[in-house]
Amino acid sequence: MGWIGSRTGIEARRVPAAGIPFTPIPTGKLRRYWAWQNVIDLAVNVPSSLAAASIALARLRPSVVFGTGGFVALPVALAAAMRRLPVVIHEQTAVPGLANRIAARVATRIAITYEPSARWFRGDRVTLTGNPLRAELRGGDRADAIARFGLDPAVPLVYVTGGALGAHRVNRVVGEALPTLLPSAQLVHQCGDNPNTGDLRWLETRREALPSHLARRYHLRPYLDAELPSVYAAASLVIGRSGAGTVNECCQLGLPALYIPLPGTSGDEQTANARLVERAGGAAVLPQSDLSPTTLAERMIPLLEDPANLKIMGERARTLAIPDAAERLATVIIACGKLG
């Protein structure tokens, strides 16, 4: 087994740390708009990525290639097809990205997370598997979160997350809204530590300016690691972007969410993810164009004031999840591997 990825992506750190052989390849980027970088990518980066992927596959000699989309996975899928290797792609979002739409043309099987995604692909190669959840996230303990953060068990907990790098616009609006939000809730805010935005230090300054009784309710962290399962177990509501990971975690764990989709992503996939859960009754959606300290409070506080409805929302979100997604996906990959 081996992992092919980019030199600068998070996988370059996480994969070797997990003891999995890692092969970096040069990467380009698929853009749907005109930019001079497209010319460079098409002339240089894409061919070099394809060549590097082919060399890596020749060395690894896999029985099957598995890709989850993105401009790193596409050249690997294409190189695998050229070498007549079975290819399984997995679409994690409600709307497939351009890379997976192209890779689907050479894929042996196409695994999808949500049933509506099937309409984007042709043929009988599509299989509904769901999206696997890290097993440790199911083992959270509310009491552990209360002890770790010094939480008040009688006050609802809101978990705010923007992903590994944080979400600049969300961070700033939450920071400005703290005096309004904290009388009704306590917050664990995963803000990232992006040196380009300076959000972490700015939020620390905002916390320092709060009255002590409110500052005790605001728990700021650049990242969450071992404590994340327990934070999920204690949370009454999640506020954050609606990327594939966050949405899958909330649905799998039965957590209601207020999603603020990142605009401008390829195919507007985050809005599609959020609206899918909203239609199921498992989330509320606040477009970034409408986001302000006032609108955030107007949407968050009424949700917290109706805990019975929050419980229903969580149950409805869970209806979109497939608990045995990892086993389903593994079955597809192993079956295709026997063809290789």
Protein backbone atom coordinates (compact mmCIF):
# COMPACT_ATOMS: atom_id res chain seq x y z
CA MET A 1 0.00 0.00 0.00
CA GLY A 2 1.18 3.52 -0.72
CA TRP A 3 -0.14 7.08 -0.81
CA ILE A 4 0.48 9.52 -3.64
CA GLY A 5 -0.13 13.17 -2.78
CA SER A 6 1.17 16.70 -3.02
CA ARG A 7 4.37 17.99 -1.46
CA THR A 8 2.59 20.83 0.34
CA GLY A 9 -0.73 19.28 1.35
CA ILE A 10 -1.63 18.13 4.84
CA GLU A 11 -1.09 14.54 3.67
CA ALA A 12 2.65 15.23 3.39
CA ARG A 13 2.75 15.38 7.20
CA ARG A 14 -0.07 13.08 8.25
CA VAL A 15 0.58 10.10 5.99
CA PRO A 16 4.24 9.44 6.93
CA ALA A 17 3.31 9.99 10.59
CA ALA A 18 0.78 7.16 10.21
CA GLY A 19 3.50 4.84 8.89
CA ILE A 20 2.20 4.76 5.32
CA PRO A 21 4.72 5.08 2.46
CA PHE A 22 4.20 8.50 0.87
CA THR A 23 5.13 9.58 -2.66
CA PRO A 24 4.82 13.30 -3.48
CA ILE A 25 4.15 14.41 -7.05
CA PRO A 26 4.02 17.88 -8.63
CA THR A 27 0.52 19.24 -8.95
CA GLY A 28 -1.37 21.74 -11.06
CA LYS A 29 -4.83 23.09 -10.49
CA LEU A 30 -8.05 22.76 -12.46
CA ARG A 31 -9.67 26.15 -12.97
CA ARG A 32 -12.96 26.91 -14.67
CA TYR A 33 -11.96 30.47 -15.46
CA TRP A 34 -9.29 32.06 -17.63
CA ALA A 35 -5.93 32.63 -15.97
CA TRP A 36 -2.36 32.62 -17.27
CA GLN A 37 -1.59 29.93 -14.73
CA ASN A 38 -3.84 27.60 -16.74
CA VAL A 39 -1.36 27.78 -19.61
CA ILE A 40 1.55 26.92 -17.33
CA ASP A 41 -0.37 24.06 -15.73
CA LEU A 42 -1.44 22.58 -19.06
CA ALA A 43 2.02 22.93 -20.59
CA VAL A 44 4.18 21.97 -17.60
CA ASN A 45 2.47 20.89 -14.39
CA VAL A 46 -0.16 18.53 -15.77
CA PRO A 47 2.26 16.53 -17.97
CA SER A 48 4.83 16.36 -15.16
CA SER A 49 2.14 15.26 -12.70
CA LEU A 50 0.99 12.52 -15.06
CA ALA A 51 4.56 11.33 -15.62
CA ALA A 52 5.36 11.35 -11.91
CA ALA A 53 2.14 9.48 -11.13
CA SER A 54 2.95 6.84 -13.72
CA ILE A 55 6.45 6.35 -12.29
CA ALA A 56 5.05 6.08 -8.77
CA LEU A 57 2.51 3.46 -9.85
CA ALA A 58 5.21 1.44 -11.60
CA ARG A 59 7.18 1.40 -8.36
CA LEU A 60 4.22 0.69 -6.05
CA ARG A 61 2.63 -1.91 -8.36
CA PRO A 62 -0.86 -1.62 -6.81
CA SER A 63 -3.77 -3.90 -7.61
CA VAL A 64 -6.22 -0.99 -7.48
CA VAL A 65 -6.05 2.81 -7.30
CA PHE A 66 -8.38 4.76 -5.02
CA GLY A 67 -8.92 8.51 -5.41
CA THR A 68 -11.05 11.04 -3.57
CA GLY A 69 -10.95 13.85 -6.13
CA GLY A 70 -8.93 17.02 -6.38
CA PHE A 71 -6.08 18.09 -8.61
CA VAL A 72 -3.70 15.65 -6.88
CA ALA A 73 -5.81 12.54 -7.45
CA LEU A 74 -6.72 13.16 -11.09
CA PRO A 75 -3.29 12.51 -12.70
CA VAL A 76 -2.97 9.37 -10.58
CA ALA A 77 -6.35 8.10 -11.80
CA LEU A 78 -5.45 8.88 -15.42
CA ALA A 79 -2.03 7.24 -15.11
CA ALA A 80 -3.68 4.16 -13.57
CA ALA A 81 -6.13 3.93 -16.46
CA MET A 82 -3.24 4.17 -18.94
CA ARG A 83 -1.61 1.26 -17.13
CA ARG A 84 -4.91 -0.67 -17.21
CA LEU A 85 -5.28 -0.67 -13.43
CA PRO A 86 -8.74 -0.65 -11.82
CA VAL A 87 -9.69 2.80 -10.49
CA VAL A 88 -12.18 3.55 -7.71
CA ILE A 89 -13.12 7.15 -7.08
CA HIS A 90 -15.04 8.43 -4.10
CA GLU A 91 -17.18 11.56 -4.24
CA GLN A 92 -17.49 13.04 -0.75
CA THR A 93 -19.69 16.03 -1.57
CA ALA A 94 -23.23 16.52 -2.84
CA VAL A 95 -21.93 17.99 -6.11
CA PRO A 96 -18.83 16.38 -7.67
CA GLY A 97 -15.82 18.52 -8.41
CA LEU A 98 -14.27 18.81 -11.85
CA ALA A 99 -11.49 16.34 -11.06
CA ASN A 100 -13.90 13.55 -10.18
CA ARG A 101 -16.11 14.30 -13.16
CA ILE A 102 -13.09 13.74 -15.39
CA ALA A 103 -11.78 10.76 -13.43
CA ALA A 104 -15.23 9.15 -13.58
CA ARG A 105 -14.70 8.59 -17.30
CA VAL A 106 -11.91 6.11 -16.57
CA ALA A 107 -13.15 4.77 -13.22
CA THR A 108 -14.06 1.13 -12.71
CA ARG A 109 -16.40 2.04 -9.85
CA ILE A 110 -17.70 5.36 -8.51
CA ALA A 111 -18.54 5.50 -4.81
CA ILE A 112 -20.80 8.32 -3.63
CA THR A 113 -21.63 9.73 -0.20
CA TYR A 114 -25.17 10.96 -0.91
CA GLU A 115 -27.82 9.37 -3.10
CA PRO A 116 -28.55 12.59 -5.09
CA SER A 117 -24.95 12.63 -6.32
CA ALA A 118 -25.68 9.65 -8.57
CA ARG A 119 -27.31 11.92 -11.14
CA TRP A 120 -23.92 13.45 -11.97
CA PHE A 121 -22.50 10.13 -13.16
CA ARG A 122 -23.55 7.80 -15.93
CA GLY A 123 -23.87 4.05 -16.04
CA ASP A 124 -24.17 1.28 -13.50
CA ARG A 125 -20.74 1.80 -11.95
CA VAL A 126 -22.12 4.03 -9.16
CA THR A 127 -22.36 2.64 -5.60
CA LEU A 128 -23.75 4.41 -2.55
CA THR A 129 -21.19 3.88 0.23
CA GLY A 130 -21.42 7.00 2.38
CA ASN A 131 -18.33 8.69 3.77
CA PRO A 132 -16.28 6.97 6.50
CA LEU A 133 -15.96 8.59 9.91
CA ARG A 134 -12.85 8.32 12.07
CA ALA A 135 -13.76 5.72 14.68
CA GLU A 136 -12.43 7.79 17.59
CA LEU A 137 -14.99 10.54 16.94
CA ARG A 138 -17.76 8.19 18.07
CA GLY A 139 -16.12 7.69 21.46
CA GLY A 140 -16.47 11.20 22.86
CA ASP A 141 -17.41 11.81 26.49
CA ARG A 142 -19.41 14.88 27.50
CA ALA A 143 -18.04 14.75 31.04
CA ASP A 144 -14.51 14.79 29.65
CA ALA A 145 -15.23 17.98 27.68
CA ILE A 146 -16.73 19.62 30.76
CA ALA A 147 -13.59 18.79 32.75
CA ARG A 148 -11.11 19.75 30.00
CA PHE A 149 -12.60 23.17 29.31
CA GLY A 150 -14.23 23.96 32.63
CA LEU A 151 -17.67 24.09 31.05
CA ASP A 152 -20.92 24.82 32.83
CA PRO A 153 -23.12 21.72 32.34
CA ALA A 154 -26.27 23.86 32.51
CA VAL A 155 -25.30 26.16 29.60
CA PRO A 156 -25.50 24.95 25.98
CA LEU A 157 -22.19 24.47 24.20
CA VAL A 158 -21.66 25.70 20.63
CA TYR A 159 -18.69 24.34 18.70
CA VAL A 160 -17.43 26.80 16.07
CA THR A 161 -15.06 25.41 13.46
CA GLY A 162 -13.52 26.64 10.24
CA GLY A 163 -11.34 23.68 9.38
CA ALA A 164 -7.59 23.29 9.81
CA LEU A 165 -6.73 26.83 8.71
CA GLY A 166 -9.80 28.42 10.23
CA ALA A 167 -12.37 30.51 8.37
CA HIS A 168 -11.38 34.18 8.36
CA ARG A 169 -14.81 35.70 7.80
CA VAL A 170 -16.45 33.38 10.34
CA ASN A 171 -13.70 34.05 12.88
CA ARG A 172 -14.10 37.81 12.62
CA VAL A 173 -17.89 37.79 12.82
CA VAL A 174 -17.87 35.43 15.81
CA GLY A 175 -15.31 37.64 17.53
CA GLU A 176 -17.42 40.74 17.00
CA ALA A 177 -20.57 38.93 18.18
CA LEU A 178 -19.12 37.50 21.41
CA PRO A 179 -20.81 40.01 23.76
CA THR A 180 -24.17 39.05 22.23
CA LEU A 181 -23.62 35.29 21.94
CA LEU A 182 -22.03 34.45 25.28
CA PRO A 183 -24.95 35.38 27.56
CA SER A 184 -26.85 32.51 25.86
CA ALA A 185 -24.11 29.94 25.30
CA GLN A 186 -20.54 28.86 25.88
CA LEU A 187 -18.31 28.49 22.84
CA VAL A 188 -15.42 26.24 21.92
CA HIS A 189 -13.94 28.01 18.89
CA GLN A 190 -11.43 26.23 16.66
CA CYS A 191 -10.02 29.18 14.73
CA GLY A 192 -6.85 27.90 13.07
CA ASP A 193 -3.55 29.78 13.24
CA ASN A 194 -3.22 31.44 9.86
CA PRO A 195 -0.36 33.96 9.99
CA ASN A 196 -1.78 35.79 6.98
CA THR A 197 -5.01 36.71 8.78
CA GLY A 198 -3.80 37.00 12.36
CA ASP A 199 -7.18 35.74 13.54
CA LEU A 200 -5.89 33.83 16.56
CA ARG A 201 -4.25 36.85 18.18
CA TRP A 202 -7.16 39.11 17.23
CA LEU A 203 -9.63 36.72 18.88
CA GLU A 204 -7.45 36.50 21.97
CA THR A 205 -7.63 40.28 22.19
CA ARG A 206 -11.40 40.17 21.86
CA ARG A 207 -11.58 37.64 24.68
CA GLU A 208 -9.35 39.76 26.91
CA ALA A 209 -11.78 42.67 26.49
CA LEU A 210 -14.76 40.65 27.72
CA PRO A 211 -16.12 40.82 31.27
CA SER A 212 -14.68 37.94 33.26
CA HIS A 213 -17.99 36.06 33.55
CA LEU A 214 -18.31 36.01 29.74
CA ALA A 215 -14.61 35.38 29.05
CA ARG A 216 -14.92 32.14 31.05
CA ARG A 217 -17.48 30.94 28.52
CA TYR A 218 -15.22 31.44 25.49
CA HIS A 219 -12.66 28.69 24.83
CA LEU A 220 -10.37 29.51 21.92
CA ARG A 221 -8.15 26.89 20.28
CA PRO A 222 -6.19 27.01 17.01
CA TYR A 223 -6.72 23.26 16.59
CA LEU A 224 -8.55 20.42 18.29
CA ASP A 225 -7.07 16.95 18.34
CA ALA A 226 -7.62 14.46 21.14
CA GLU A 227 -10.31 16.64 22.68
CA LEU A 228 -12.47 16.83 19.53
CA PRO A 229 -14.56 13.67 20.19
CA SER A 230 -15.55 14.97 23.60
CA VAL A 231 -16.35 18.44 22.26
CA TYR A 232 -18.69 16.82 19.74
CA ALA A 233 -20.26 14.75 22.52
CA ALA A 234 -20.96 17.90 24.56
CA ALA A 235 -22.04 20.23 21.74
CA SER A 236 -25.64 21.34 21.37
CA LEU A 237 -24.93 23.01 18.02
CA VAL A 238 -22.11 23.20 15.48
CA ILE A 239 -21.39 26.39 13.53
CA GLY A 240 -18.99 26.26 10.62
CA ARG A 241 -18.29 25.82 6.96
CA SER A 242 -19.98 22.99 5.12
CA GLY A 243 -17.06 21.12 3.64
CA ALA A 244 -17.28 17.37 3.20
CA GLY A 245 -15.55 16.56 6.48
CA THR A 246 -17.57 18.78 8.78
CA VAL A 247 -20.91 17.83 7.20
CA ASN A 248 -20.12 14.13 7.35
CA GLU A 249 -19.06 14.36 11.00
CA CYS A 250 -22.22 16.23 12.00
CA CYS A 251 -24.48 13.81 10.13
CA GLN A 252 -22.72 10.69 11.41
CA LEU A 253 -22.84 11.98 15.00
CA GLY A 254 -26.38 13.33 14.80
CA LEU A 255 -25.40 16.94 15.48
CA PRO A 256 -27.53 19.91 14.39
CA ALA A 257 -25.59 22.59 12.57
CA LEU A 258 -25.74 26.17 11.39
CA TYR A 259 -23.71 26.09 8.18
CA ILE A 260 -22.03 29.10 6.60
CA PRO A 261 -20.93 27.75 3.20
CA LEU A 262 -17.69 29.02 1.72
CA PRO A 263 -18.71 30.85 -1.47
CA GLY A 264 -16.86 30.48 -4.72
CA THR A 265 -15.80 26.85 -4.36
CA SER A 266 -15.86 24.69 -7.47
CA GLY A 267 -19.49 23.98 -8.32
CA ASP A 268 -20.48 25.79 -5.11
CA GLU A 269 -20.19 22.41 -3.44
CA GLN A 270 -20.35 23.74 0.12
CA THR A 271 -23.74 25.35 -0.51
CA ALA A 272 -24.94 22.10 -2.09
CA ASN A 273 -23.75 20.14 0.97
CA ALA A 274 -25.46 22.53 3.38
CA ARG A 275 -28.72 22.68 1.45
CA LEU A 276 -28.84 18.89 1.26
CA VAL A 277 -28.79 18.66 5.06
CA GLU A 278 -31.17 21.60 5.38
CA ARG A 279 -33.72 19.87 3.13
CA ALA A 280 -33.51 16.82 5.39
CA GLY A 281 -34.25 19.05 8.38
CA GLY A 282 -30.83 18.57 9.96
CA ALA A 283 -29.33 22.03 9.60
CA ALA A 284 -29.91 25.72 9.09
CA VAL A 285 -27.98 27.67 6.47
CA LEU A 286 -26.66 31.23 6.73
CA PRO A 287 -25.08 32.39 3.44
CA GLN A 288 -21.86 34.33 3.89
CA SER A 289 -23.39 37.24 1.97
CA ASP A 290 -25.88 37.59 4.87
CA LEU A 291 -23.38 36.94 7.64
CA SER A 292 -22.91 39.63 10.26
CA PRO A 293 -22.69 39.70 14.07
CA THR A 294 -26.40 40.54 14.16
CA THR A 295 -27.57 37.81 11.77
CA LEU A 296 -25.37 35.22 13.46
CA ALA A 297 -26.97 35.97 16.82
CA GLU A 298 -30.44 36.06 15.28
CA ARG A 299 -29.96 32.58 13.85
CA MET A 300 -28.00 30.95 16.68
CA ILE A 301 -29.84 32.06 19.80
CA PRO A 302 -33.36 30.91 18.76
CA LEU A 303 -31.94 27.49 17.88
CA LEU A 304 -30.42 27.14 21.35
CA GLU A 305 -33.66 28.25 22.97
CA ASP A 306 -35.46 25.23 21.50
CA PRO A 307 -33.47 22.16 22.61
CA ALA A 308 -36.29 19.79 21.60
CA ASN A 309 -36.02 21.05 18.02
CA LEU A 310 -32.23 20.75 18.12
CA LYS A 311 -32.60 17.10 19.06
CA ILE A 312 -34.97 16.55 16.13
CA MET A 313 -32.53 18.31 13.79
CA GLY A 314 -29.73 16.03 14.95
CA GLU A 315 -31.84 12.94 14.33
CA ARG A 316 -32.74 14.16 10.85
CA ALA A 317 -29.11 14.91 10.03
CA ARG A 318 -28.25 11.35 11.03
CA THR A 319 -30.65 9.99 8.38
CA LEU A 320 -28.16 11.14 5.71
CA ALA A 321 -25.28 9.19 7.25
CA ILE A 322 -24.27 5.62 6.50
CA PRO A 323 -22.66 4.22 9.67
CA ASP A 324 -20.88 1.35 7.90
CA ALA A 325 -19.44 3.56 5.16
CA ALA A 326 -15.88 2.36 5.76
CA GLU A 327 -16.88 -1.28 5.35
CA ARG A 328 -18.90 -0.52 2.21
CA LEU A 329 -16.06 1.43 0.65
CA ALA A 330 -13.52 -1.24 1.55
CA THR A 331 -15.71 -3.89 -0.08
CA VAL A 332 -15.80 -1.92 -3.33
CA ILE A 333 -12.05 -1.36 -3.34
CA ILE A 334 -11.22 -5.00 -2.55
CA ALA A 335 -13.58 -6.27 -5.24
CA CYS A 336 -11.94 -4.00 -7.83
CA GLY A 337 -8.49 -4.96 -6.59
CA LYS A 338 -9.21 -8.56 -7.56
CA LEU A 339 -9.62 -7.34 -11.14
CA GLY A 340 -6.12 -5.89 -11.20
